Amino acid sequence: TLLADSVKGRFTGSKDNVQNTVYLQMSSLKPEDTANYYCAATDRSCY
């Protein structure tokens, strides 16, 4: 998982291939984390 510096140590991501679902676990949330959150996909690479 590639993480933005602003969320390192607080957010993690995971895939559940059985449930066909992807998760964003957020902890130690701050007011500046307030936003609309979107998931998105590509068949290329995170890079």
PDB file of all heavy atoms in Angstrom:
ATOM      1  N   THR A   1       0.853  -1.187   0.000  1.00  0.00           N
ATOM      2  CA  THR A   1       0.000   0.000   0.000  1.00  0.00           C
ATOM      3  C   THR A   1       0.882   1.228   0.000  1.00  0.00           C
ATOM      4  O   THR A   1       1.780   1.359   0.837  1.00  0.00           O
ATOM      5  CB  THR A   1      -0.912   0.023   1.230  1.00  0.00           C
ATOM      6  OG1 THR A   1      -1.727  -1.163   1.245  1.00  0.00           O
ATOM      7  CG2 THR A   1      -1.826   1.246   1.203  1.00  0.00           C
ATOM      8  N   LEU A   2       0.635   2.115  -0.933  1.00  0.00           N
ATOM      9  CA  LEU A   2       1.343   3.392  -0.983  1.00  0.00           C
ATOM     10  C   LEU A   2       0.510   4.427  -0.227  1.00  0.00           C
ATOM     11  O   LEU A   2      -0.670   4.598  -0.512  1.00  0.00           O
ATOM     12  CB  LEU A   2       1.540   3.837  -2.429  1.00  0.00           C
ATOM     13  CG  LEU A   2       2.158   2.805  -3.381  1.00  0.00           C
ATOM     14  CD1 LEU A   2       2.324   3.404  -4.772  1.00  0.00           C
ATOM     15  CD2 LEU A   2       3.487   2.314  -2.854  1.00  0.00           C
ATOM     16  N   LEU A   3       1.117   5.100   0.729  1.00  0.00           N
ATOM     17  CA  LEU A   3       0.391   6.018   1.600  1.00  0.00           C
ATOM     18  C   LEU A   3       0.877   7.443   1.410  1.00  0.00           C
ATOM     19  O   LEU A   3       2.080   7.693   1.277  1.00  0.00           O
ATOM     20  CB  LEU A   3       0.608   5.640   3.065  1.00  0.00           C
ATOM     21  CG  LEU A   3      -0.082   4.371   3.560  1.00  0.00           C
ATOM     22  CD1 LEU A   3       0.649   3.813   4.755  1.00  0.00           C
ATOM     23  CD2 LEU A   3      -1.521   4.668   3.911  1.00  0.00           C
ATOM     24  N   ALA A   4      -0.064   8.383   1.457  1.00  0.00           N
ATOM     25  CA  ALA A   4       0.310   9.792   1.496  1.00  0.00           C
ATOM     26  C   ALA A   4       0.958  10.099   2.842  1.00  0.00           C
ATOM     27  O   ALA A   4       0.584   9.519   3.868  1.00  0.00           O
ATOM     28  CB  ALA A   4      -0.924  10.663   1.298  1.00  0.00           C
ATOM     29  N   ASP A   5       1.904  11.018   2.840  1.00  0.00           N
ATOM     30  CA  ASP A   5       2.589  11.375   4.089  1.00  0.00           C
ATOM     31  C   ASP A   5       1.609  11.851   5.160  1.00  0.00           C
ATOM     32  O   ASP A   5       1.814  11.604   6.352  1.00  0.00           O
ATOM     33  CB  ASP A   5       3.623  12.475   3.819  1.00  0.00           C
ATOM     34  CG  ASP A   5       4.828  11.957   3.049  1.00  0.00           C
ATOM     35  OD1 ASP A   5       5.027  10.728   3.002  1.00  0.00           O
ATOM     36  OD2 ASP A   5       5.555  12.795   2.482  1.00  0.00           O
ATOM     37  N   SER A   6       0.541  12.500   4.721  1.00  0.00           N
ATOM     38  CA  SER A   6      -0.413  13.080   5.671  1.00  0.00           C
ATOM     39  C   SER A   6      -1.177  12.028   6.474  1.00  0.00           C
ATOM     40  O   SER A   6      -1.787  12.359   7.494  1.00  0.00           O
ATOM     41  CB  SER A   6      -1.405  13.981   4.940  1.00  0.00           C
ATOM     42  OG  SER A   6      -2.087  13.245   3.928  1.00  0.00           O
ATOM     43  N   VAL A   7      -1.155  10.776   6.024  1.00  0.00           N
ATOM     44  CA  VAL A   7      -1.939   9.740   6.715  1.00  0.00           C
ATOM     45  C   VAL A   7      -1.083   8.571   7.199  1.00  0.00           C
ATOM     46  O   VAL A   7      -1.612   7.630   7.795  1.00  0.00           O
ATOM     47  CB  VAL A   7      -3.076   9.210   5.819  1.00  0.00           C
ATOM     48  CG1 VAL A   7      -3.978  10.361   5.381  1.00  0.00           C
ATOM     49  CG2 VAL A   7      -2.553   8.435   4.626  1.00  0.00           C
ATOM     50  N   LYS A   8       0.208   8.615   6.955  1.00  0.00           N
ATOM     51  CA  LYS A   8       1.081   7.524   7.392  1.00  0.00           C
ATOM     52  C   LYS A   8       0.997   7.354   8.905  1.00  0.00           C
ATOM     53  O   LYS A   8       1.028   8.318   9.660  1.00  0.00           O
ATOM     54  CB  LYS A   8       2.523   7.796   6.971  1.00  0.00           C
ATOM     55  CG  LYS A   8       2.787   7.483   5.514  1.00  0.00           C
ATOM     56  CD  LYS A   8       4.240   7.751   5.142  1.00  0.00           C
ATOM     57  CE  LYS A   8       4.477   7.438   3.668  1.00  0.00           C
ATOM     58  NZ  LYS A   8       5.849   7.780   3.242  1.00  0.00           N
ATOM     59  N   GLY A   9       0.867   6.105   9.322  1.00  0.00           N
ATOM     60  CA  GLY A   9       0.759   5.809  10.747  1.00  0.00           C
ATOM     61  C   GLY A   9      -0.656   5.916  11.283  1.00  0.00           C
ATOM     62  O   GLY A   9      -0.907   5.565  12.437  1.00  0.00           O
ATOM     63  N   ARG A  10      -1.578   6.411  10.470  1.00  0.00           N
ATOM     64  CA  ARG A  10      -2.974   6.571  10.917  1.00  0.00           C
ATOM     65  C   ARG A  10      -3.960   5.801  10.057  1.00  0.00           C
ATOM     66  O   ARG A  10      -4.973   5.304  10.562  1.00  0.00           O
ATOM     67  CB  ARG A  10      -3.360   8.048  10.919  1.00  0.00           C
ATOM     68  CG  ARG A  10      -2.488   8.926  11.802  1.00  0.00           C
ATOM     69  CD  ARG A  10      -3.061  10.336  11.941  1.00  0.00           C
ATOM     70  NE  ARG A  10      -3.163  11.034  10.655  1.00  0.00           N
ATOM     71  CZ  ARG A  10      -4.298  11.524  10.162  1.00  0.00           C
ATOM     72  NH1 ARG A  10      -5.419  11.398  10.831  1.00  0.00           N
ATOM     73  NH2 ARG A  10      -4.296  12.151   8.999  1.00  0.00           N
ATOM     74  N   PHE A  11      -3.710   5.722   8.765  1.00  0.00           N
ATOM     75  CA  PHE A  11      -4.640   5.068   7.841  1.00  0.00           C
ATOM     76  C   PHE A  11      -3.997   3.798   7.278  1.00  0.00           C
ATOM     77  O   PHE A  11      -2.778   3.750   7.041  1.00  0.00           O
ATOM     78  CB  PHE A  11      -4.966   5.985   6.662  1.00  0.00           C
ATOM     79  CG  PHE A  11      -5.829   7.178   6.983  1.00  0.00           C
ATOM     80  CD1 PHE A  11      -6.065   7.593   8.270  1.00  0.00           C
ATOM     81  CD2 PHE A  11      -6.390   7.911   5.945  1.00  0.00           C
ATOM     82  CE1 PHE A  11      -6.851   8.693   8.542  1.00  0.00           C
ATOM     83  CE2 PHE A  11      -7.174   9.014   6.190  1.00  0.00           C
ATOM     84  CZ  PHE A  11      -7.405   9.415   7.500  1.00  0.00           C
ATOM     85  N   THR A  12      -4.822   2.797   7.061  1.00  0.00           N
ATOM     86  CA  THR A  12      -4.365   1.597   6.355  1.00  0.00           C
ATOM     87  C   THR A  12      -5.428   1.183   5.340  1.00  0.00           C
ATOM     88  O   THR A  12      -6.608   1.505   5.496  1.00  0.00           O
ATOM     89  CB  THR A  12      -4.115   0.425   7.312  1.00  0.00           C
ATOM     90  OG1 THR A  12      -5.326   0.137   8.029  1.00  0.00           O
ATOM     91  CG2 THR A  12      -3.014   0.735   8.313  1.00  0.00           C
ATOM     92  N   GLY A  13      -4.982   0.461   4.343  1.00  0.00           N
ATOM     93  CA  GLY A  13      -5.895  -0.032   3.332  1.00  0.00           C
ATOM     94  C   GLY A  13      -5.784  -1.539   3.216  1.00  0.00           C
ATOM     95  O   GLY A  13      -4.725  -2.110   3.496  1.00  0.00           O
ATOM     96  N   SER A  14      -6.860  -2.167   2.806  1.00  0.00           N
ATOM     97  CA  SER A  14      -6.835  -3.619   2.631  1.00  0.00           C
ATOM     98  C   SER A  14      -7.856  -4.040   1.582  1.00  0.00           C
ATOM     99  O   SER A  14      -8.839  -3.338   1.331  1.00  0.00           O
ATOM    100  CB  SER A  14      -7.116  -4.337   3.953  1.00  0.00           C
ATOM    101  OG  SER A  14      -8.398  -4.004   4.443  1.00  0.00           O
ATOM    102  N   LYS A  15      -7.569  -5.191   0.987  1.00  0.00           N
ATOM    103  CA  LYS A  15      -8.476  -5.788   0.014  1.00  0.00           C
ATOM    104  C   LYS A  15      -9.004  -7.091   0.582  1.00  0.00           C
ATOM    105  O   LYS A  15      -8.246  -7.877   1.149  1.00  0.00           O
ATOM    106  CB  LYS A  15      -7.741  -6.113  -1.287  1.00  0.00           C
ATOM    107  CG  LYS A  15      -7.516  -4.988  -2.254  1.00  0.00           C
ATOM    108  CD  LYS A  15      -6.906  -5.562  -3.538  1.00  0.00           C
ATOM    109  CE  LYS A  15      -6.660  -4.521  -4.590  1.00  0.00           C
ATOM    110  NZ  LYS A  15      -6.147  -5.131  -5.836  1.00  0.00           N
ATOM    111  N   ASP A  16     -10.290  -7.343   0.399  1.00  0.00           N
ATOM    112  CA  ASP A  16     -10.888  -8.626   0.734  1.00  0.00           C
ATOM    113  C   ASP A  16     -11.411  -9.218  -0.567  1.00  0.00           C
ATOM    114  O   ASP A  16     -12.473  -8.815  -1.057  1.00  0.00           O
ATOM    115  CB  ASP A  16     -12.019  -8.431   1.753  1.00  0.00           C
ATOM    116  CG  ASP A  16     -12.609  -9.750   2.228  1.00  0.00           C
ATOM    117  OD1 ASP A  16     -12.564 -10.745   1.477  1.00  0.00           O
ATOM    118  OD2 ASP A  16     -13.136  -9.769   3.346  1.00  0.00           O
ATOM    119  N   ASN A  17     -10.647 -10.141  -1.123  1.00  0.00           N
ATOM    120  CA  ASN A  17     -11.028 -10.698  -2.422  1.00  0.00           C
ATOM    121  C   ASN A  17     -12.270 -11.581  -2.327  1.00  0.00           C
ATOM    122  O   ASN A  17     -12.997 -11.734  -3.317  1.00  0.00           O
ATOM    123  CB  ASN A  17      -9.868 -11.491  -3.008  1.00  0.00           C
ATOM    124  CG  ASN A  17      -8.693 -10.606  -3.386  1.00  0.00           C
ATOM    125  OD1 ASN A  17      -8.871  -9.431  -3.688  1.00  0.00           O
ATOM    126  ND2 ASN A  17      -7.501 -11.162  -3.352  1.00  0.00           N
ATOM    127  N   VAL A  18     -12.543 -12.145  -1.160  1.00  0.00           N
ATOM    128  CA  VAL A  18     -13.750 -12.970  -0.985  1.00  0.00           C
ATOM    129  C   VAL A  18     -14.998 -12.088  -1.027  1.00  0.00           C
ATOM    130  O   VAL A  18     -15.978 -12.392  -1.713  1.00  0.00           O
ATOM    131  CB  VAL A  18     -13.678 -13.770   0.324  1.00  0.00           C
ATOM    132  CG1 VAL A  18     -14.990 -14.504   0.577  1.00  0.00           C
ATOM    133  CG2 VAL A  18     -12.497 -14.724   0.298  1.00  0.00           C
ATOM    134  N   GLN A  19     -14.942 -10.987  -0.267  1.00  0.00           N
ATOM    135  CA  GLN A  19     -16.070 -10.052  -0.240  1.00  0.00           C
ATOM    136  C   GLN A  19     -16.055  -9.107  -1.438  1.00  0.00           C
ATOM    137  O   GLN A  19     -17.024  -8.371  -1.645  1.00  0.00           O
ATOM    138  CB  GLN A  19     -16.028  -9.225   1.058  1.00  0.00           C
ATOM    139  CG  GLN A  19     -16.189 -10.039   2.331  1.00  0.00           C
ATOM    140  CD  GLN A  19     -17.557 -10.685   2.432  1.00  0.00           C
ATOM    141  OE1 GLN A  19     -18.555 -10.121   2.005  1.00  0.00           O
ATOM    142  NE2 GLN A  19     -17.596 -11.893   2.981  1.00  0.00           N
ATOM    143  N   ASN A  20     -14.962  -9.134  -2.201  1.00  0.00           N
ATOM    144  CA  ASN A  20     -14.794  -8.212  -3.335  1.00  0.00           C
ATOM    145  C   ASN A  20     -14.957  -6.756  -2.883  1.00  0.00           C
ATOM    146  O   ASN A  20     -15.652  -5.946  -3.521  1.00  0.00           O
ATOM    147  CB  ASN A  20     -15.757  -8.528  -4.470  1.00  0.00           C
ATOM    148  CG  ASN A  20     -15.194  -8.145  -5.826  1.00  0.00           C
ATOM    149  OD1 ASN A  20     -13.979  -8.136  -6.040  1.00  0.00           O
ATOM    150  ND2 ASN A  20     -16.062  -7.818  -6.766  1.00  0.00           N
ATOM    151  N   THR A  21     -14.318  -6.455  -1.769  1.00  0.00           N
ATOM    152  CA  THR A  21     -14.447  -5.152  -1.129  1.00  0.00           C
ATOM    153  C   THR A  21     -13.071  -4.658  -0.700  1.00  0.00           C
ATOM    154  O   THR A  21     -12.205  -5.453  -0.317  1.00  0.00           O
ATOM    155  CB  THR A  21     -15.382  -5.259   0.094  1.00  0.00           C
ATOM    156  OG1 THR A  21     -16.674  -5.693  -0.341  1.00  0.00           O
ATOM    157  CG2 THR A  21     -15.528  -3.907   0.799  1.00  0.00           C
ATOM    158  N   VAL A  22     -12.917  -3.361  -0.773  1.00  0.00           N
ATOM    159  CA  VAL A  22     -11.675  -2.723  -0.336  1.00  0.00           C
ATOM    160  C   VAL A  22     -12.009  -1.802   0.832  1.00  0.00           C
ATOM    161  O   VAL A  22     -13.064  -1.144   0.831  1.00  0.00           O
ATOM    162  CB  VAL A  22     -11.033  -1.927  -1.488  1.00  0.00           C
ATOM    163  CG1 VAL A  22      -9.745  -1.268  -1.036  1.00  0.00           C
ATOM    164  CG2 VAL A  22     -10.777  -2.854  -2.669  1.00  0.00           C
ATOM    165  N   TYR A  23     -11.125  -1.760   1.809  1.00  0.00           N
ATOM    166  CA  TYR A  23     -11.384  -1.009   3.030  1.00  0.00           C
ATOM    167  C   TYR A  23     -10.348   0.090   3.238  1.00  0.00           C
ATOM    168  O   TYR A  23      -9.190  -0.045   2.842  1.00  0.00           O
ATOM    169  CB  TYR A  23     -11.367  -1.935   4.238  1.00  0.00           C
ATOM    170  CG  TYR A  23     -12.408  -3.018   4.173  1.00  0.00           C
ATOM    171  CD1 TYR A  23     -12.075  -4.309   3.783  1.00  0.00           C
ATOM    172  CD2 TYR A  23     -13.743  -2.744   4.487  1.00  0.00           C
ATOM    173  CE1 TYR A  23     -13.035  -5.312   3.712  1.00  0.00           C
ATOM    174  CE2 TYR A  23     -14.705  -3.738   4.415  1.00  0.00           C
ATOM    175  CZ  TYR A  23     -14.346  -5.010   4.019  1.00  0.00           C
ATOM    176  OH  TYR A  23     -15.301  -6.000   3.946  1.00  0.00           O
ATOM    177  N   LEU A  24     -10.793   1.152   3.877  1.00  0.00           N
ATOM    178  CA  LEU A  24      -9.906   2.204   4.358  1.00  0.00           C
ATOM    179  C   LEU A  24     -10.155   2.324   5.850  1.00  0.00           C
ATOM    180  O   LEU A  24     -11.235   2.764   6.269  1.00  0.00           O
ATOM    181  CB  LEU A  24     -10.188   3.533   3.652  1.00  0.00           C
ATOM    182  CG  LEU A  24      -9.427   4.744   4.185  1.00  0.00           C
ATOM    183  CD1 LEU A  24      -7.929   4.558   3.965  1.00  0.00           C
ATOM    184  CD2 LEU A  24      -9.900   6.034   3.496  1.00  0.00           C
ATOM    185  N   GLN A  25      -9.186   1.908   6.631  1.00  0.00           N
ATOM    186  CA  GLN A  25      -9.282   2.020   8.090  1.00  0.00           C
ATOM    187  C   GLN A  25      -8.578   3.301   8.517  1.00  0.00           C
ATOM    188  O   GLN A  25      -7.391   3.475   8.245  1.00  0.00           O
ATOM    189  CB  GLN A  25      -8.631   0.810   8.770  1.00  0.00           C
ATOM    190  CG  GLN A  25      -8.661   0.871  10.283  1.00  0.00           C
ATOM    191  CD  GLN A  25     -10.066   0.736  10.841  1.00  0.00           C
ATOM    192  OE1 GLN A  25     -10.803  -0.179  10.473  1.00  0.00           O
ATOM    193  NE2 GLN A  25     -10.439   1.654  11.740  1.00  0.00           N
ATOM    194  N   MET A  26      -9.313   4.164   9.174  1.00  0.00           N
ATOM    195  CA  MET A  26      -8.779   5.455   9.586  1.00  0.00           C
ATOM    196  C   MET A  26      -8.800   5.544  11.103  1.00  0.00           C
ATOM    197  O   MET A  26      -9.818   5.229  11.727  1.00  0.00           O
ATOM    198  CB  MET A  26      -9.618   6.584   8.992  1.00  0.00           C
ATOM    199  CG  MET A  26      -9.758   6.507   7.473  1.00  0.00           C
ATOM    200  SD  MET A  26     -10.682   7.898   6.779  1.00  0.00           S
ATOM    201  CE  MET A  26     -12.308   7.542   7.410  1.00  0.00           C
ATOM    202  N   SER A  27      -7.701   5.973  11.672  1.00  0.00           N
ATOM    203  CA  SER A  27      -7.639   6.157  13.123  1.00  0.00           C
ATOM    204  C   SER A  27      -6.957   7.481  13.429  1.00  0.00           C
ATOM    205  O   SER A  27      -6.384   8.118  12.537  1.00  0.00           O
ATOM    206  CB  SER A  27      -6.898   4.987  13.770  1.00  0.00           C
ATOM    207  OG  SER A  27      -5.580   4.892  13.278  1.00  0.00           O
ATOM    208  N   SER A  28      -7.013   7.873  14.688  1.00  0.00           N
ATOM    209  CA  SER A  28      -6.449   9.163  15.120  1.00  0.00           C
ATOM    210  C   SER A  28      -6.895  10.283  14.190  1.00  0.00           C
ATOM    211  O   SER A  28      -6.082  11.104  13.744  1.00  0.00           O
ATOM    212  CB  SER A  28      -4.916   9.086  15.164  1.00  0.00           C
ATOM    213  OG  SER A  28      -4.490   8.066  16.028  1.00  0.00           O
ATOM    214  N   LEU A  29      -8.174  10.303  13.916  1.00  0.00           N
ATOM    215  CA  LEU A  29      -8.698  11.260  12.945  1.00  0.00           C
ATOM    216  C   LEU A  29      -8.583  12.694  13.444  1.00  0.00           C
ATOM    217  O   LEU A  29      -8.709  12.970  14.649  1.00  0.00           O
ATOM    218  CB  LEU A  29     -10.149  10.922  12.620  1.00  0.00           C
ATOM    219  CG  LEU A  29     -10.295   9.742  11.641  1.00  0.00           C
ATOM    220  CD1 LEU A  29     -11.691   9.155  11.708  1.00  0.00           C
ATOM    221  CD2 LEU A  29      -9.968  10.188  10.229  1.00  0.00           C
ATOM    222  N   LYS A  30      -8.346  13.584  12.492  1.00  0.00           N
ATOM    223  CA  LYS A  30      -8.177  15.011  12.768  1.00  0.00           C
ATOM    224  C   LYS A  30      -9.229  15.790  11.993  1.00  0.00           C
ATOM    225  O   LYS A  30      -9.720  15.313  10.958  1.00  0.00           O
ATOM    226  CB  LYS A  30      -6.783  15.456  12.308  1.00  0.00           C
ATOM    227  CG  LYS A  30      -5.637  14.647  12.878  1.00  0.00           C
ATOM    228  CD  LYS A  30      -4.314  15.077  12.255  1.00  0.00           C
ATOM    229  CE  LYS A  30      -3.157  14.242  12.771  1.00  0.00           C
ATOM    230  NZ  LYS A  30      -1.865  14.644  12.150  1.00  0.00           N
ATOM    231  N   PRO A  31      -9.541  16.989  12.449  1.00  0.00           N
ATOM    232  CA  PRO A  31     -10.510  17.802  11.695  1.00  0.00           C
ATOM    233  C   PRO A  31     -10.093  17.998  10.231  1.00  0.00           C
ATOM    234  O   PRO A  31     -10.972  18.057   9.353  1.00  0.00           O
ATOM    235  CB  PRO A  31     -10.520  19.118  12.469  1.00  0.00           C
ATOM    236  CG  PRO A  31     -10.181  18.721  13.868  1.00  0.00           C
ATOM    237  CD  PRO A  31      -9.187  17.604  13.732  1.00  0.00           C
ATOM    238  N   GLU A  32      -8.809  18.055   9.972  1.00  0.00           N
ATOM    239  CA  GLU A  32      -8.359  18.253   8.589  1.00  0.00           C
ATOM    240  C   GLU A  32      -8.548  17.011   7.723  1.00  0.00           C
ATOM    241  O   GLU A  32      -8.300  17.061   6.509  1.00  0.00           O
ATOM    242  CB  GLU A  32      -6.893  18.707   8.548  1.00  0.00           C
ATOM    243  CG  GLU A  32      -5.942  17.855   9.336  1.00  0.00           C
ATOM    244  CD  GLU A  32      -5.666  18.422  10.725  1.00  0.00           C
ATOM    245  OE1 GLU A  32      -6.631  18.884  11.394  1.00  0.00           O
ATOM    246  OE2 GLU A  32      -4.481  18.389  11.146  1.00  0.00           O
ATOM    247  N   ASP A  33      -8.970  15.895   8.305  1.00  0.00           N
ATOM    248  CA  ASP A  33      -9.325  14.711   7.514  1.00  0.00           C
ATOM    249  C   ASP A  33     -10.742  14.805   6.963  1.00  0.00           C
ATOM    250  O   ASP A  33     -11.157  13.942   6.182  1.00  0.00           O
ATOM    251  CB  ASP A  33      -9.203  13.441   8.361  1.00  0.00           C
ATOM    252  CG  ASP A  33      -7.780  13.150   8.790  1.00  0.00           C
ATOM    253  OD1 ASP A  33      -6.865  13.294   7.963  1.00  0.00           O
ATOM    254  OD2 ASP A  33      -7.589  12.775   9.974  1.00  0.00           O
ATOM    255  N   THR A  34     -11.471  15.823   7.361  1.00  0.00           N
ATOM    256  CA  THR A  34     -12.828  16.009   6.857  1.00  0.00           C
ATOM    257  C   THR A  34     -12.816  16.206   5.349  1.00  0.00           C
ATOM    258  O   THR A  34     -12.107  17.076   4.833  1.00  0.00           O
ATOM    259  CB  THR A  34     -13.478  17.224   7.537  1.00  0.00           C
ATOM    260  OG1 THR A  34     -13.622  16.955   8.935  1.00  0.00           O
ATOM    261  CG2 THR A  34     -14.841  17.521   6.932  1.00  0.00           C
ATOM    262  N   ALA A  35     -13.593  15.370   4.650  1.00  0.00           N
ATOM    263  CA  ALA A  35     -13.615  15.411   3.185  1.00  0.00           C
ATOM    264  C   ALA A  35     -14.610  14.385   2.666  1.00  0.00           C
ATOM    265  O   ALA A  35     -15.072  13.518   3.417  1.00  0.00           O
ATOM    266  CB  ALA A  35     -12.236  15.112   2.611  1.00  0.00           C
ATOM    267  N   ASN A  36     -14.910  14.491   1.393  1.00  0.00           N
ATOM    268  CA  ASN A  36     -15.550  13.389   0.690  1.00  0.00           C
ATOM    269  C   ASN A  36     -14.465  12.395   0.297  1.00  0.00           C
ATOM    270  O   ASN A  36     -13.431  12.794  -0.265  1.00  0.00           O
ATOM    271  CB  ASN A  36     -16.262  13.882  -0.558  1.00  0.00           C
ATOM    272  CG  ASN A  36     -17.653  14.405  -0.260  1.00  0.00           C
ATOM    273  OD1 ASN A  36     -18.490  13.671   0.263  1.00  0.00           O
ATOM    274  ND2 ASN A  36     -17.904  15.662  -0.567  1.00  0.00           N
ATOM    275  N   TYR A  37     -14.698  11.137   0.614  1.00  0.00           N
ATOM    276  CA  TYR A  37     -13.739  10.076   0.320  1.00  0.00           C
ATOM    277  C   TYR A  37     -14.262   9.209  -0.825  1.00  0.00           C
ATOM    278  O   TYR A  37     -15.420   8.791  -0.817  1.00  0.00           O
ATOM    279  CB  TYR A  37     -13.498   9.224   1.565  1.00  0.00           C
ATOM    280  CG  TYR A  37     -12.588   9.899   2.562  1.00  0.00           C
ATOM    281  CD1 TYR A  37     -13.040  10.972   3.333  1.00  0.00           C
ATOM    282  CD2 TYR A  37     -11.268   9.483   2.720  1.00  0.00           C
ATOM    283  CE1 TYR A  37     -12.187  11.605   4.232  1.00  0.00           C
ATOM    284  CE2 TYR A  37     -10.411  10.106   3.623  1.00  0.00           C
ATOM    285  CZ  TYR A  37     -10.880  11.165   4.368  1.00  0.00           C
ATOM    286  OH  TYR A  37     -10.050  11.801   5.273  1.00  0.00           O
ATOM    287  N   TYR A  38     -13.376   8.951  -1.761  1.00  0.00           N
ATOM    288  CA  TYR A  38     -13.717   8.191  -2.948  1.00  0.00           C
ATOM    289  C   TYR A  38     -12.766   7.005  -3.105  1.00  0.00           C
ATOM    290  O   TYR A  38     -11.568   7.136  -2.829  1.00  0.00           O
ATOM    291  CB  TYR A  38     -13.589   9.053  -4.203  1.00  0.00           C
ATOM    292  CG  TYR A  38     -14.412  10.306  -4.200  1.00  0.00           C
ATOM    293  CD1 TYR A  38     -13.922  11.482  -3.640  1.00  0.00           C
ATOM    294  CD2 TYR A  38     -15.676  10.326  -4.783  1.00  0.00           C
ATOM    295  CE1 TYR A  38     -14.673  12.643  -3.644  1.00  0.00           C
ATOM    296  CE2 TYR A  38     -16.429  11.488  -4.795  1.00  0.00           C
ATOM    297  CZ  TYR A  38     -15.923  12.636  -4.219  1.00  0.00           C
ATOM    298  OH  TYR A  38     -16.679  13.784  -4.232  1.00  0.00           O
ATOM    299  N   CYS A  39     -13.285   5.887  -3.581  1.00  0.00           N
ATOM    300  CA  CYS A  39     -12.400   4.827  -4.041  1.00  0.00           C
ATOM    301  C   CYS A  39     -12.415   4.837  -5.567  1.00  0.00           C
ATOM    302  O   CYS A  39     -13.384   5.273  -6.203  1.00  0.00           O
ATOM    303  CB  CYS A  39     -12.794   3.455  -3.494  1.00  0.00           C
ATOM    304  SG  CYS A  39     -14.414   2.850  -3.961  1.00  0.00           S
ATOM    305  N   ALA A  40     -11.317   4.370  -6.135  1.00  0.00           N
ATOM    306  CA  ALA A  40     -11.169   4.348  -7.581  1.00  0.00           C
ATOM    307  C   ALA A  40     -10.245   3.204  -7.962  1.00  0.00           C
ATOM    308  O   ALA A  40      -9.447   2.738  -7.144  1.00  0.00           O
ATOM    309  CB  ALA A  40     -10.622   5.678  -8.082  1.00  0.00           C
ATOM    310  N   ALA A  41     -10.348   2.787  -9.212  1.00  0.00           N
ATOM    311  CA  ALA A  41      -9.607   1.609  -9.666  1.00  0.00           C
ATOM    312  C   ALA A  41      -8.938   1.858 -11.001  1.00  0.00           C
ATOM    313  O   ALA A  41      -9.426   2.632 -11.830  1.00  0.00           O
ATOM    314  CB  ALA A  41     -10.555   0.418  -9.784  1.00  0.00           C
ATOM    315  N   THR A  42      -7.817   1.166 -11.199  1.00  0.00           N
ATOM    316  CA  THR A  42      -7.147   1.141 -12.488  1.00  0.00           C
ATOM    317  C   THR A  42      -6.601  -0.259 -12.720  1.00  0.00           C
ATOM    318  O   THR A  42      -6.194  -0.925 -11.764  1.00  0.00           O
ATOM    319  CB  THR A  42      -6.023   2.176 -12.568  1.00  0.00           C
ATOM    320  OG1 THR A  42      -5.391   2.079 -13.852  1.00  0.00           O
ATOM    321  CG2 THR A  42      -4.971   1.947 -11.497  1.00  0.00           C
ATOM    322  N   ASP A  43      -6.565  -0.686 -13.989  1.00  0.00           N
ATOM    323  CA  ASP A  43      -5.934  -1.965 -14.292  1.00  0.00           C
ATOM    324  C   ASP A  43      -4.445  -1.765 -14.575  1.00  0.00           C
ATOM    325  O   ASP A  43      -3.750  -2.736 -14.909  1.00  0.00           O
ATOM    326  CB  ASP A  43      -6.639  -2.675 -15.446  1.00  0.00           C
ATOM    327  CG  ASP A  43      -6.623  -1.882 -16.737  1.00  0.00           C
ATOM    328  OD1 ASP A  43      -6.041  -0.784 -16.762  1.00  0.00           O
ATOM    329  OD2 ASP A  43      -7.202  -2.367 -17.728  1.00  0.00           O
ATOM    330  N   ARG A  44      -3.962  -0.556 -14.424  1.00  0.00           N
ATOM    331  CA  ARG A  44      -2.526  -0.295 -14.517  1.00  0.00           C
ATOM    332  C   ARG A  44      -1.935  -0.461 -13.108  1.00  0.00           C
ATOM    333  O   ARG A  44      -2.211  -1.432 -12.424  1.00  0.00           O
ATOM    334  CB  ARG A  44      -2.285   1.086 -15.108  1.00  0.00           C
ATOM    335  CG  ARG A  44      -2.722   1.198 -16.586  1.00  0.00           C
ATOM    336  CD  ARG A  44      -2.404   2.565 -17.169  1.00  0.00           C
ATOM    337  NE  ARG A  44      -3.170   3.588 -16.522  1.00  0.00           N
ATOM    338  CZ  ARG A  44      -4.427   3.916 -16.848  1.00  0.00           C
ATOM    339  NH1 ARG A  44      -5.027   3.291 -17.833  1.00  0.00           N
ATOM    340  NH2 ARG A  44      -5.060   4.881 -16.216  1.00  0.00           N
ATOM    341  N   SER A  45      -1.121   0.472 -12.692  1.00  0.00           N
ATOM    342  CA  SER A  45      -0.383   0.317 -11.439  1.00  0.00           C
ATOM    343  C   SER A  45      -0.598   1.529 -10.556  1.00  0.00           C
ATOM    344  O   SER A  45      -0.869   2.629 -11.045  1.00  0.00           O
ATOM    345  CB  SER A  45       1.102   0.144 -11.748  1.00  0.00           C
ATOM    346  OG  SER A  45       1.899   0.374 -10.612  1.00  0.00           O
ATOM    347  N   CYS A  46      -0.442   1.339  -9.258  1.00  0.00           N
ATOM    348  CA  CYS A  46      -0.447   2.484  -8.345  1.00  0.00           C
ATOM    349  C   CYS A  46       0.666   3.472  -8.709  1.00  0.00           C
ATOM    350  O   CYS A  46       0.570   4.667  -8.398  1.00  0.00           O
ATOM    351  CB  CYS A  46      -0.236   2.025  -6.908  1.00  0.00           C
ATOM    352  SG  CYS A  46      -1.653   1.188  -6.173  1.00  0.00           S
ATOM    353  N   TYR A  47       1.697   2.984  -9.345  1.00  0.00           N
ATOM    354  CA  TYR A  47       2.814   3.848  -9.699  1.00  0.00           C
ATOM    355  C   TYR A  47       2.515   4.657 -10.971  1.00  0.00           C
ATOM    356  O   TYR A  47       3.264   5.567 -11.308  1.00  0.00           O
ATOM    357  CB  TYR A  47       4.084   3.020  -9.869  1.00  0.00           C
ATOM    358  CG  TYR A  47       4.542   2.414  -8.562  1.00  0.00           C
ATOM    359  CD1 TYR A  47       4.213   1.103  -8.219  1.00  0.00           C
ATOM    360  CD2 TYR A  47       5.291   3.161  -7.651  1.00  0.00           C
ATOM    361  CE1 TYR A  47       4.618   0.559  -7.007  1.00  0.00           C
ATOM    362  CE2 TYR A  47       5.702   2.612  -6.445  1.00  0.00           C
ATOM    363  CZ  TYR A  47       5.352   1.317  -6.135  1.00  0.00           C
ATOM    364  OH  TYR A  47       5.761   0.783  -4.937  1.00  0.00           O
TER     365      TYR A  47
END
